[in-house]
N, C-alpha and C. Protein backbone atom coordinates (compact mmCIF):
# COMPACT_ATOMS: atom_id res chain seq x y z
N MET A 1 0.83 -1.21 0.00
CA MET A 1 0.00 0.00 0.00
C MET A 1 0.87 1.26 0.00
N MET A 2 1.91 1.27 0.84
CA MET A 2 2.76 2.44 0.92
C MET A 2 3.52 2.68 -0.39
N LYS A 3 3.79 1.61 -1.12
CA LYS A 3 4.49 1.78 -2.39
C LYS A 3 3.66 2.63 -3.34
N ALA A 4 2.34 2.41 -3.33
CA ALA A 4 1.46 3.18 -4.20
C ALA A 4 1.47 4.65 -3.81
N TRP A 5 1.43 4.94 -2.50
CA TRP A 5 1.47 6.33 -2.05
C TRP A 5 2.81 6.97 -2.36
N TYR A 6 3.86 6.19 -2.25
CA TYR A 6 5.20 6.70 -2.57
C TYR A 6 5.29 7.10 -4.03
N GLU A 7 4.78 6.24 -4.90
CA GLU A 7 4.82 6.53 -6.33
C GLU A 7 3.98 7.76 -6.67
N LYS A 8 2.83 7.90 -6.02
CA LYS A 8 1.99 9.08 -6.25
C LYS A 8 2.72 10.35 -5.80
N SER A 9 3.41 10.25 -4.68
CA SER A 9 4.15 11.39 -4.17
C SER A 9 5.26 11.80 -5.12
N ILE A 10 6.05 10.84 -5.59
CA ILE A 10 7.15 11.13 -6.52
C ILE A 10 6.61 11.73 -7.81
N ASN A 11 5.51 11.18 -8.32
CA ASN A 11 4.92 11.71 -9.55
C ASN A 11 4.50 13.17 -9.39
N ALA A 12 3.87 13.48 -8.25
CA ALA A 12 3.42 14.85 -8.00
C ALA A 12 4.60 15.80 -7.87
N LEU A 13 5.65 15.35 -7.18
CA LEU A 13 6.84 16.18 -7.01
C LEU A 13 7.53 16.45 -8.34
N GLN A 14 7.59 15.43 -9.18
CA GLN A 14 8.22 15.60 -10.48
C GLN A 14 7.40 16.52 -11.37
N LEU A 15 6.07 16.37 -11.34
CA LEU A 15 5.21 17.26 -12.13
C LEU A 15 5.34 18.70 -11.66
N ASN A 16 5.61 18.89 -10.37
CA ASN A 16 5.78 20.22 -9.80
C ASN A 16 7.16 20.80 -10.07
N GLY A 17 8.05 19.98 -10.64
CA GLY A 17 9.38 20.46 -10.99
C GLY A 17 10.37 20.46 -9.86
N LYS A 18 10.10 19.70 -8.79
CA LYS A 18 11.03 19.65 -7.66
C LYS A 18 12.28 18.85 -8.04
N GLY A 19 13.44 19.27 -7.52
CA GLY A 19 14.70 18.58 -7.77
C GLY A 19 14.80 17.26 -7.03
N GLU A 20 15.83 16.49 -7.36
CA GLU A 20 15.99 15.16 -6.76
C GLU A 20 16.15 15.24 -5.25
N ARG A 21 16.96 16.18 -4.78
CA ARG A 21 17.18 16.31 -3.34
C ARG A 21 15.88 16.68 -2.62
N THR A 22 15.10 17.55 -3.21
CA THR A 22 13.82 17.94 -2.61
C THR A 22 12.86 16.76 -2.60
N GLN A 23 12.84 15.98 -3.68
CA GLN A 23 11.99 14.79 -3.72
C GLN A 23 12.36 13.84 -2.59
N GLU A 24 13.64 13.62 -2.39
CA GLU A 24 14.09 12.71 -1.33
C GLU A 24 13.69 13.23 0.06
N ALA A 25 13.90 14.53 0.28
CA ALA A 25 13.61 15.12 1.59
C ALA A 25 12.11 15.10 1.88
N TYR A 26 11.29 15.41 0.88
CA TYR A 26 9.84 15.46 1.09
C TYR A 26 9.27 14.06 1.34
N THR A 27 9.71 13.09 0.55
CA THR A 27 9.19 11.73 0.75
C THR A 27 9.68 11.14 2.08
N ARG A 28 10.88 11.51 2.51
CA ARG A 28 11.37 11.07 3.82
C ARG A 28 10.51 11.64 4.95
N SER A 29 10.08 12.88 4.79
CA SER A 29 9.22 13.49 5.81
C SER A 29 7.90 12.74 5.95
N VAL A 30 7.32 12.35 4.82
CA VAL A 30 6.06 11.61 4.86
C VAL A 30 6.29 10.21 5.43
N ARG A 31 7.40 9.58 5.07
CA ARG A 31 7.69 8.24 5.59
C ARG A 31 7.84 8.26 7.10
N MET A 32 8.48 9.28 7.65
CA MET A 32 8.64 9.38 9.10
C MET A 32 7.30 9.57 9.80
N LEU A 33 6.40 10.31 9.18
CA LEU A 33 5.05 10.47 9.72
C LEU A 33 4.32 9.14 9.74
N VAL A 34 4.43 8.39 8.67
CA VAL A 34 3.78 7.07 8.58
C VAL A 34 4.34 6.12 9.63
N GLU A 35 5.65 6.12 9.80
CA GLU A 35 6.29 5.25 10.79
C GLU A 35 5.89 5.65 12.21
N PHE A 36 5.62 6.92 12.43
CA PHE A 36 5.22 7.41 13.75
C PHE A 36 3.86 6.86 14.15
N TYR A 37 2.92 6.81 13.18
CA TYR A 37 1.55 6.36 13.48
C TYR A 37 1.28 4.92 13.05
N HIS A 38 2.19 4.32 12.29
CA HIS A 38 2.04 2.93 11.84
C HIS A 38 0.75 2.73 11.05
N LYS A 39 0.45 3.68 10.18
CA LYS A 39 -0.69 3.52 9.28
C LYS A 39 -0.48 4.39 8.05
N THR A 40 -1.19 4.07 6.99
CA THR A 40 -1.01 4.80 5.75
C THR A 40 -1.46 6.25 5.91
N PRO A 41 -0.89 7.16 5.13
CA PRO A 41 -1.17 8.59 5.35
C PRO A 41 -2.63 8.98 5.15
N ASP A 42 -3.37 8.26 4.29
CA ASP A 42 -4.76 8.62 4.07
C ASP A 42 -5.63 8.37 5.29
N LEU A 43 -5.12 7.60 6.28
CA LEU A 43 -5.88 7.30 7.49
C LEU A 43 -5.51 8.24 8.64
N ILE A 44 -4.57 9.14 8.43
CA ILE A 44 -4.14 10.07 9.48
C ILE A 44 -5.07 11.28 9.50
N ALA A 45 -5.63 11.57 10.68
CA ALA A 45 -6.58 12.67 10.84
C ALA A 45 -5.84 13.99 11.08
N GLU A 46 -6.55 15.09 10.94
CA GLU A 46 -5.93 16.40 11.12
C GLU A 46 -5.42 16.59 12.54
N GLU A 47 -6.15 16.14 13.53
CA GLU A 47 -5.69 16.26 14.92
C GLU A 47 -4.41 15.48 15.15
N GLU A 48 -4.31 14.31 14.51
CA GLU A 48 -3.09 13.51 14.63
C GLU A 48 -1.91 14.25 13.99
N LEU A 49 -2.19 14.93 12.91
CA LEU A 49 -1.13 15.69 12.24
C LEU A 49 -0.65 16.83 13.14
N GLN A 50 -1.59 17.50 13.80
CA GLN A 50 -1.23 18.56 14.75
C GLN A 50 -0.36 18.00 15.88
N HIS A 51 -0.77 16.86 16.41
CA HIS A 51 -0.02 16.23 17.49
C HIS A 51 1.39 15.87 17.04
N TYR A 52 1.51 15.38 15.81
CA TYR A 52 2.82 14.99 15.27
C TYR A 52 3.74 16.19 15.18
N PHE A 53 3.24 17.30 14.64
CA PHE A 53 4.06 18.49 14.51
C PHE A 53 4.50 19.03 15.88
N LEU A 54 3.58 19.04 16.84
CA LEU A 54 3.91 19.53 18.18
C LEU A 54 4.92 18.61 18.87
N HIS A 55 4.80 17.30 18.62
CA HIS A 55 5.74 16.34 19.21
C HIS A 55 7.14 16.59 18.66
N ARG A 56 7.26 16.76 17.35
CA ARG A 56 8.58 16.99 16.75
C ARG A 56 9.17 18.31 17.24
N ARG A 57 8.32 19.30 17.47
CA ARG A 57 8.80 20.62 17.88
C ARG A 57 9.16 20.66 19.37
N ASN A 58 8.28 20.15 20.22
CA ASN A 58 8.43 20.33 21.67
C ASN A 58 9.11 19.16 22.37
N VAL A 59 8.91 17.95 21.89
CA VAL A 59 9.49 16.77 22.54
C VAL A 59 10.83 16.42 21.90
N ASP A 60 10.81 16.24 20.59
CA ASP A 60 12.06 15.92 19.89
C ASP A 60 12.94 17.15 19.70
N GLN A 61 12.35 18.32 19.80
CA GLN A 61 13.07 19.60 19.69
C GLN A 61 13.87 19.69 18.40
N TRP A 62 13.19 19.42 17.31
CA TRP A 62 13.84 19.56 16.01
C TRP A 62 14.18 21.02 15.76
N SER A 63 15.24 21.24 15.04
CA SER A 63 15.68 22.59 14.70
C SER A 63 14.69 23.21 13.71
N PRO A 64 14.65 24.55 13.61
CA PRO A 64 13.77 25.19 12.62
C PRO A 64 14.01 24.70 11.20
N ALA A 65 15.26 24.45 10.86
CA ALA A 65 15.56 23.99 9.49
C ALA A 65 14.95 22.61 9.24
N THR A 66 15.06 21.71 10.23
CA THR A 66 14.50 20.37 10.08
C THR A 66 12.98 20.42 10.06
N LEU A 67 12.40 21.26 10.91
CA LEU A 67 10.95 21.41 10.93
C LEU A 67 10.44 21.96 9.61
N ARG A 68 11.18 22.88 9.03
CA ARG A 68 10.74 23.48 7.77
C ARG A 68 10.64 22.43 6.67
N ILE A 69 11.61 21.52 6.62
CA ILE A 69 11.56 20.43 5.63
C ILE A 69 10.39 19.50 5.94
N CYS A 70 10.19 19.20 7.22
CA CYS A 70 9.09 18.35 7.64
C CYS A 70 7.75 18.96 7.23
N TYR A 71 7.55 20.22 7.56
CA TYR A 71 6.30 20.90 7.23
C TYR A 71 6.07 20.94 5.72
N SER A 72 7.10 21.30 4.99
CA SER A 72 6.96 21.46 3.53
C SER A 72 6.63 20.13 2.86
N GLY A 73 7.34 19.07 3.27
CA GLY A 73 7.11 17.77 2.65
C GLY A 73 5.72 17.23 2.94
N ILE A 74 5.30 17.33 4.19
CA ILE A 74 3.98 16.80 4.56
C ILE A 74 2.87 17.67 3.98
N ARG A 75 3.06 19.00 4.00
CA ARG A 75 2.05 19.88 3.41
C ARG A 75 1.86 19.57 1.93
N PHE A 76 2.98 19.41 1.21
CA PHE A 76 2.89 19.12 -0.22
C PHE A 76 2.12 17.82 -0.45
N PHE A 77 2.44 16.80 0.33
CA PHE A 77 1.81 15.50 0.13
C PHE A 77 0.31 15.56 0.41
N PHE A 78 -0.07 16.16 1.54
CA PHE A 78 -1.49 16.18 1.91
C PHE A 78 -2.31 17.09 0.99
N GLU A 79 -1.69 18.15 0.48
CA GLU A 79 -2.44 19.05 -0.39
C GLU A 79 -2.51 18.54 -1.82
N HIS A 80 -1.41 18.01 -2.35
CA HIS A 80 -1.36 17.69 -3.78
C HIS A 80 -1.56 16.21 -4.10
N VAL A 81 -1.41 15.34 -3.11
CA VAL A 81 -1.64 13.91 -3.34
C VAL A 81 -2.95 13.46 -2.71
N LEU A 82 -3.16 13.84 -1.45
CA LEU A 82 -4.40 13.46 -0.76
C LEU A 82 -5.51 14.50 -0.92
N HIS A 83 -5.16 15.68 -1.43
CA HIS A 83 -6.13 16.75 -1.67
C HIS A 83 -6.88 17.15 -0.40
N ARG A 84 -6.13 17.27 0.71
CA ARG A 84 -6.72 17.73 1.97
C ARG A 84 -6.65 19.26 2.02
N ASN A 85 -7.74 19.88 2.40
CA ASN A 85 -7.80 21.33 2.54
C ASN A 85 -7.92 21.69 4.02
N TRP A 86 -6.91 21.28 4.80
CA TRP A 86 -6.95 21.44 6.24
C TRP A 86 -6.36 22.78 6.66
N HIS A 87 -6.95 23.35 7.71
CA HIS A 87 -6.45 24.60 8.27
C HIS A 87 -5.03 24.43 8.82
N THR A 88 -4.75 23.27 9.38
CA THR A 88 -3.42 23.00 9.96
C THR A 88 -2.32 23.17 8.92
N LEU A 89 -2.57 22.77 7.70
CA LEU A 89 -1.57 22.86 6.64
C LEU A 89 -1.24 24.30 6.29
N LYS A 90 -2.21 25.21 6.49
CA LYS A 90 -1.98 26.62 6.24
C LYS A 90 -1.36 27.31 7.44
N LEU A 91 -1.51 26.71 8.62
CA LEU A 91 -1.07 27.32 9.87
C LEU A 91 0.41 27.10 10.17
N ILE A 92 0.92 25.92 9.80
CA ILE A 92 2.29 25.55 10.21
C ILE A 92 3.32 26.48 9.59
N HIS A 93 4.30 26.81 10.41
CA HIS A 93 5.37 27.71 9.97
C HIS A 93 6.57 27.52 10.89
N ALA A 94 7.74 27.42 10.29
CA ALA A 94 8.98 27.29 11.07
C ALA A 94 9.85 28.51 10.80
N GLN A 95 10.28 29.17 11.84
CA GLN A 95 11.13 30.34 11.69
C GLN A 95 12.49 29.94 11.13
N ARG A 96 13.07 30.83 10.38
CA ARG A 96 14.42 30.60 9.86
C ARG A 96 15.44 31.00 10.91
N GLU A 97 16.45 30.16 11.07
CA GLU A 97 17.51 30.45 12.02
C GLU A 97 18.39 31.58 11.50
N GLN A 98 18.70 32.52 12.36
CA GLN A 98 19.57 33.63 11.99
C GLN A 98 20.95 33.38 12.58
N GLN A 99 21.73 32.55 11.90
CA GLN A 99 23.05 32.20 12.38
C GLN A 99 24.11 32.62 11.36
N LEU A 100 25.19 33.16 11.86
CA LEU A 100 26.30 33.49 10.99
C LEU A 100 27.06 32.22 10.64
N PRO A 101 27.50 32.08 9.39
CA PRO A 101 28.25 30.88 9.00
C PRO A 101 29.64 30.86 9.64
N THR A 102 30.16 29.65 9.82
CA THR A 102 31.53 29.51 10.31
C THR A 102 32.48 29.63 9.13
N VAL A 103 33.34 30.62 9.17
CA VAL A 103 34.27 30.86 8.07
C VAL A 103 35.68 30.50 8.52
N LEU A 104 36.28 29.54 7.82
CA LEU A 104 37.64 29.12 8.15
C LEU A 104 38.65 30.09 7.55
N SER A 105 39.76 30.27 8.23
CA SER A 105 40.84 31.09 7.69
C SER A 105 41.56 30.29 6.60
N ARG A 106 42.36 30.96 5.80
CA ARG A 106 43.12 30.26 4.76
C ARG A 106 44.05 29.22 5.35
N GLU A 107 44.66 29.54 6.48
CA GLU A 107 45.58 28.60 7.12
C GLU A 107 44.83 27.37 7.60
N GLU A 108 43.62 27.55 8.15
CA GLU A 108 42.82 26.41 8.61
C GLU A 108 42.44 25.52 7.43
N VAL A 109 42.10 26.13 6.31
CA VAL A 109 41.76 25.35 5.12
C VAL A 109 42.98 24.58 4.63
N ARG A 110 44.13 25.23 4.62
CA ARG A 110 45.37 24.54 4.19
C ARG A 110 45.65 23.34 5.08
N ARG A 111 45.46 23.49 6.38
CA ARG A 111 45.72 22.38 7.30
C ARG A 111 44.74 21.22 7.06
N LEU A 112 43.49 21.56 6.80
CA LEU A 112 42.51 20.51 6.52
C LEU A 112 42.86 19.75 5.24
N LEU A 113 43.17 20.49 4.19
CA LEU A 113 43.49 19.84 2.93
C LEU A 113 44.78 19.04 3.01
N SER A 114 45.70 19.46 3.87
CA SER A 114 46.97 18.73 4.01
C SER A 114 46.77 17.37 4.67
N CYS A 115 45.62 17.16 5.31
CA CYS A 115 45.34 15.88 5.96
C CYS A 115 44.76 14.85 4.99
N ILE A 116 44.43 15.28 3.79
CA ILE A 116 43.82 14.38 2.80
C ILE A 116 44.91 13.64 2.06
N ARG A 117 44.88 12.34 2.12
CA ARG A 117 45.95 11.52 1.55
C ARG A 117 45.66 11.01 0.14
N THR A 118 44.39 10.89 -0.23
CA THR A 118 44.07 10.35 -1.55
C THR A 118 43.95 11.49 -2.56
N PRO A 119 44.65 11.41 -3.69
CA PRO A 119 44.63 12.49 -4.70
C PRO A 119 43.22 12.81 -5.19
N HIS A 120 42.39 11.78 -5.36
CA HIS A 120 41.04 11.99 -5.87
C HIS A 120 40.24 12.88 -4.92
N ASN A 121 40.28 12.55 -3.62
CA ASN A 121 39.54 13.35 -2.64
C ASN A 121 40.12 14.75 -2.51
N TYR A 122 41.43 14.85 -2.63
CA TYR A 122 42.06 16.17 -2.53
C TYR A 122 41.60 17.06 -3.68
N ALA A 123 41.60 16.53 -4.89
CA ALA A 123 41.16 17.31 -6.05
C ALA A 123 39.70 17.73 -5.90
N PHE A 124 38.88 16.80 -5.42
CA PHE A 124 37.45 17.09 -5.25
C PHE A 124 37.23 18.20 -4.23
N LEU A 125 37.81 18.06 -3.04
CA LEU A 125 37.57 19.02 -1.96
C LEU A 125 38.23 20.36 -2.23
N ALA A 126 39.39 20.33 -2.86
CA ALA A 126 40.05 21.59 -3.20
C ALA A 126 39.20 22.38 -4.20
N THR A 127 38.56 21.68 -5.13
CA THR A 127 37.69 22.33 -6.10
C THR A 127 36.44 22.89 -5.44
N VAL A 128 35.87 22.11 -4.53
CA VAL A 128 34.69 22.57 -3.78
C VAL A 128 35.00 23.87 -3.05
N TYR A 129 36.13 23.90 -2.36
CA TYR A 129 36.49 25.09 -1.58
C TYR A 129 36.82 26.28 -2.47
N ALA A 130 37.68 26.07 -3.44
CA ALA A 130 38.17 27.18 -4.25
C ALA A 130 37.06 27.81 -5.09
N CYS A 131 36.10 27.00 -5.53
CA CYS A 131 35.04 27.51 -6.41
C CYS A 131 33.73 27.78 -5.68
N GLY A 132 33.70 27.51 -4.38
CA GLY A 132 32.49 27.78 -3.62
C GLY A 132 31.31 26.93 -4.04
N LEU A 133 31.55 25.64 -4.25
CA LEU A 133 30.50 24.76 -4.75
C LEU A 133 29.77 24.05 -3.62
N ARG A 134 28.52 23.72 -3.87
CA ARG A 134 27.81 22.78 -3.00
C ARG A 134 28.31 21.39 -3.37
N LEU A 135 28.24 20.46 -2.41
CA LEU A 135 28.78 19.12 -2.66
C LEU A 135 28.08 18.45 -3.84
N GLN A 136 26.76 18.60 -3.93
CA GLN A 136 26.05 17.96 -5.03
C GLN A 136 26.46 18.55 -6.38
N GLU A 137 26.75 19.85 -6.40
CA GLU A 137 27.21 20.47 -7.64
C GLU A 137 28.54 19.87 -8.07
N ALA A 138 29.43 19.69 -7.11
CA ALA A 138 30.75 19.14 -7.43
C ALA A 138 30.65 17.68 -7.86
N GLN A 139 29.70 16.95 -7.31
CA GLN A 139 29.54 15.54 -7.65
C GLN A 139 29.14 15.34 -9.11
N HIS A 140 28.55 16.35 -9.73
CA HIS A 140 28.10 16.22 -11.11
C HIS A 140 29.09 16.84 -12.11
N LEU A 141 30.22 17.32 -11.62
CA LEU A 141 31.19 17.94 -12.53
C LEU A 141 31.80 16.91 -13.48
N GLU A 142 31.94 17.30 -14.73
CA GLU A 142 32.61 16.49 -15.73
C GLU A 142 33.60 17.37 -16.48
N ILE A 143 34.47 16.74 -17.23
CA ILE A 143 35.53 17.49 -17.91
C ILE A 143 34.97 18.53 -18.87
N ALA A 144 33.82 18.25 -19.48
CA ALA A 144 33.23 19.18 -20.43
C ALA A 144 32.74 20.46 -19.75
N ASP A 145 32.63 20.43 -18.43
CA ASP A 145 32.15 21.60 -17.70
C ASP A 145 33.26 22.62 -17.44
N ILE A 146 34.48 22.28 -17.78
CA ILE A 146 35.62 23.16 -17.51
C ILE A 146 35.97 23.96 -18.76
N ASP A 147 35.85 25.26 -18.63
CA ASP A 147 36.19 26.18 -19.72
C ASP A 147 37.53 26.83 -19.35
N SER A 148 38.63 26.15 -19.69
CA SER A 148 39.95 26.65 -19.29
C SER A 148 40.35 27.95 -20.01
N PRO A 149 39.95 28.17 -21.28
CA PRO A 149 40.31 29.46 -21.90
C PRO A 149 39.73 30.66 -21.15
N ARG A 150 38.50 30.51 -20.65
CA ARG A 150 37.86 31.60 -19.91
C ARG A 150 38.02 31.45 -18.40
N MET A 151 38.63 30.32 -17.97
CA MET A 151 38.83 30.04 -16.54
C MET A 151 37.50 30.06 -15.78
N MET A 152 36.55 29.26 -16.29
CA MET A 152 35.23 29.18 -15.68
C MET A 152 34.80 27.72 -15.55
N LEU A 153 33.94 27.45 -14.56
CA LEU A 153 33.30 26.16 -14.42
C LEU A 153 31.81 26.31 -14.72
N HIS A 154 31.27 25.38 -15.49
CA HIS A 154 29.83 25.37 -15.78
C HIS A 154 29.17 24.41 -14.80
N ILE A 155 28.40 24.96 -13.88
CA ILE A 155 27.74 24.16 -12.85
C ILE A 155 26.34 23.79 -13.29
N HIS A 156 26.06 22.49 -13.30
CA HIS A 156 24.74 22.00 -13.68
C HIS A 156 23.94 21.58 -12.45
N ARG A 157 22.64 21.72 -12.55
CA ARG A 157 21.72 21.25 -11.50
C ARG A 157 22.09 21.81 -10.13
N GLY A 158 22.30 23.11 -10.08
CA GLY A 158 22.53 23.75 -8.79
C GLY A 158 21.24 23.89 -8.02
N LYS A 159 21.26 24.71 -6.98
CA LYS A 159 20.06 24.91 -6.17
C LYS A 159 18.95 25.48 -7.04
N GLY A 160 17.76 24.88 -6.93
CA GLY A 160 16.66 25.30 -7.77
C GLY A 160 16.76 24.80 -9.19
N SER A 161 17.61 23.77 -9.40
CA SER A 161 17.83 23.18 -10.72
C SER A 161 18.33 24.21 -11.73
N LYS A 162 19.11 25.18 -11.25
CA LYS A 162 19.63 26.23 -12.12
C LYS A 162 21.10 25.98 -12.45
N ASP A 163 21.48 26.30 -13.67
CA ASP A 163 22.89 26.25 -14.08
C ASP A 163 23.53 27.60 -13.79
N ARG A 164 24.84 27.59 -13.59
CA ARG A 164 25.56 28.85 -13.38
C ARG A 164 27.02 28.67 -13.75
N LEU A 165 27.70 29.78 -13.92
CA LEU A 165 29.14 29.80 -14.19
C LEU A 165 29.86 30.38 -12.98
N VAL A 166 30.98 29.75 -12.60
CA VAL A 166 31.76 30.24 -11.48
C VAL A 166 33.22 30.34 -11.91
N PRO A 167 33.97 31.30 -11.38
CA PRO A 167 35.39 31.44 -11.73
C PRO A 167 36.20 30.22 -11.28
N LEU A 168 37.16 29.85 -12.10
CA LEU A 168 38.05 28.73 -11.80
C LEU A 168 39.46 29.27 -11.59
N PRO A 169 39.97 29.25 -10.36
CA PRO A 169 41.33 29.74 -10.11
C PRO A 169 42.38 28.91 -10.86
N GLN A 170 43.47 29.56 -11.24
CA GLN A 170 44.53 28.87 -11.96
C GLN A 170 45.11 27.73 -11.13
N ALA A 171 45.28 27.96 -9.82
CA ALA A 171 45.86 26.91 -8.96
C ALA A 171 44.96 25.68 -8.92
N THR A 172 43.64 25.89 -8.93
CA THR A 172 42.70 24.76 -8.91
C THR A 172 42.74 24.01 -10.23
N LEU A 173 42.83 24.75 -11.33
CA LEU A 173 42.95 24.10 -12.64
C LEU A 173 44.19 23.23 -12.69
N GLN A 174 45.29 23.69 -12.11
CA GLN A 174 46.52 22.92 -12.10
C GLN A 174 46.36 21.64 -11.27
N ILE A 175 45.64 21.73 -10.15
CA ILE A 175 45.37 20.55 -9.33
C ILE A 175 44.60 19.52 -10.13
N LEU A 176 43.60 19.99 -10.88
CA LEU A 176 42.79 19.08 -11.69
C LEU A 176 43.62 18.47 -12.82
N ARG A 177 44.45 19.27 -13.45
CA ARG A 177 45.31 18.74 -14.53
C ARG A 177 46.25 17.67 -14.00
N THR A 178 46.85 17.93 -12.84
CA THR A 178 47.76 16.96 -12.25
C THR A 178 47.04 15.66 -11.92
N HIS A 179 45.86 15.78 -11.36
CA HIS A 179 45.09 14.59 -11.00
C HIS A 179 44.68 13.80 -12.24
N TRP A 180 44.15 14.48 -13.25
CA TRP A 180 43.70 13.79 -14.45
C TRP A 180 44.85 13.16 -15.22
N ALA A 181 46.02 13.77 -15.14
CA ALA A 181 47.18 13.18 -15.82
C ALA A 181 47.53 11.82 -15.23
N SER A 182 47.28 11.65 -13.92
CA SER A 182 47.58 10.37 -13.27
C SER A 182 46.39 9.43 -13.25
N GLN A 183 45.18 9.96 -13.50
CA GLN A 183 43.97 9.14 -13.48
C GLN A 183 43.17 9.43 -14.74
N PRO A 184 43.59 8.93 -15.90
CA PRO A 184 42.95 9.30 -17.16
C PRO A 184 41.53 8.78 -17.36
N GLU A 185 41.05 7.90 -16.50
CA GLU A 185 39.69 7.39 -16.66
C GLU A 185 38.89 7.62 -15.39
N THR A 186 38.86 8.82 -14.91
CA THR A 186 38.12 9.10 -13.70
C THR A 186 37.31 10.37 -13.87
N ASP A 187 36.50 10.72 -12.89
CA ASP A 187 35.78 11.97 -12.87
C ASP A 187 35.85 12.55 -11.48
N LEU A 188 35.11 13.60 -11.22
CA LEU A 188 35.19 14.28 -9.93
C LEU A 188 34.15 13.80 -8.94
N ARG A 189 33.26 12.90 -9.34
CA ARG A 189 32.08 12.68 -8.55
C ARG A 189 32.31 11.89 -7.27
N GLY A 190 33.31 11.06 -7.23
CA GLY A 190 33.62 10.34 -6.00
C GLY A 190 32.61 9.27 -5.65
N ASP A 191 31.81 8.81 -6.64
CA ASP A 191 30.78 7.82 -6.33
C ASP A 191 31.05 6.48 -7.00
N GLY A 192 32.27 6.30 -7.49
CA GLY A 192 32.61 5.04 -8.14
C GLY A 192 32.32 5.05 -9.63
N ALA A 193 31.56 6.05 -10.12
CA ALA A 193 31.27 6.11 -11.54
C ALA A 193 32.52 6.53 -12.31
N ARG A 194 32.67 6.02 -13.51
CA ARG A 194 33.84 6.35 -14.32
C ARG A 194 33.41 6.79 -15.70
N CYS A 195 34.15 7.69 -16.29
CA CYS A 195 33.87 8.11 -17.65
C CYS A 195 35.19 8.36 -18.36
N GLN A 196 35.19 8.24 -19.66
CA GLN A 196 36.41 8.42 -20.44
C GLN A 196 36.71 9.91 -20.56
N ILE A 197 37.78 10.35 -19.97
CA ILE A 197 38.20 11.74 -20.11
C ILE A 197 39.70 11.76 -20.34
N ARG A 198 40.16 12.82 -21.00
CA ARG A 198 41.59 12.97 -21.26
C ARG A 198 42.16 14.04 -20.36
N PRO A 199 43.42 13.90 -19.97
CA PRO A 199 44.04 14.97 -19.18
C PRO A 199 43.99 16.30 -19.92
N LEU A 200 43.77 17.36 -19.18
CA LEU A 200 43.73 18.67 -19.79
C LEU A 200 45.11 19.06 -20.33
N ARG A 201 45.12 19.83 -21.41
CA ARG A 201 46.38 20.28 -22.00
C ARG A 201 46.50 21.79 -21.81
């Protein structure tokens, strides 16, 4: 039974244009709700949904960021798959955390990178840091995405499924050239996938 609801959820998310990461996060939110009550989502009442949200907020003390994903995923499912027009779905709201990011100094970054022993991981993480990439963006990098004449990287499937161009430092390009020269049949993704690429010239 849950497989059918899962498929309906994925179909609705894809029709809505949600990215893969969002699909995973939203369906995980619904799965956790189902596991909490041990019944299919169509049997969950509005009062039970209210209790679930309050439990996650007050008992489990989920962070605002986690609650926001929970609310968004469950709201999407109940509104667009189950077609529930509940007041609770319009009421829920999680405040955004106002936290300053932790910024490492150049020396701290150098020390971290110096601890990496495998060339593949070093090339990957050095590129992530130097180009300001999200991990998922770096995982999809391929040799065709590198525009060495203009010193730019073409990023595919970024946040919001948007493409963008980012500057590529000369030192990072040299790291990639060195790595590819020693690993002519690899890519940057770090997931075991391999593709035919030639060392940069």
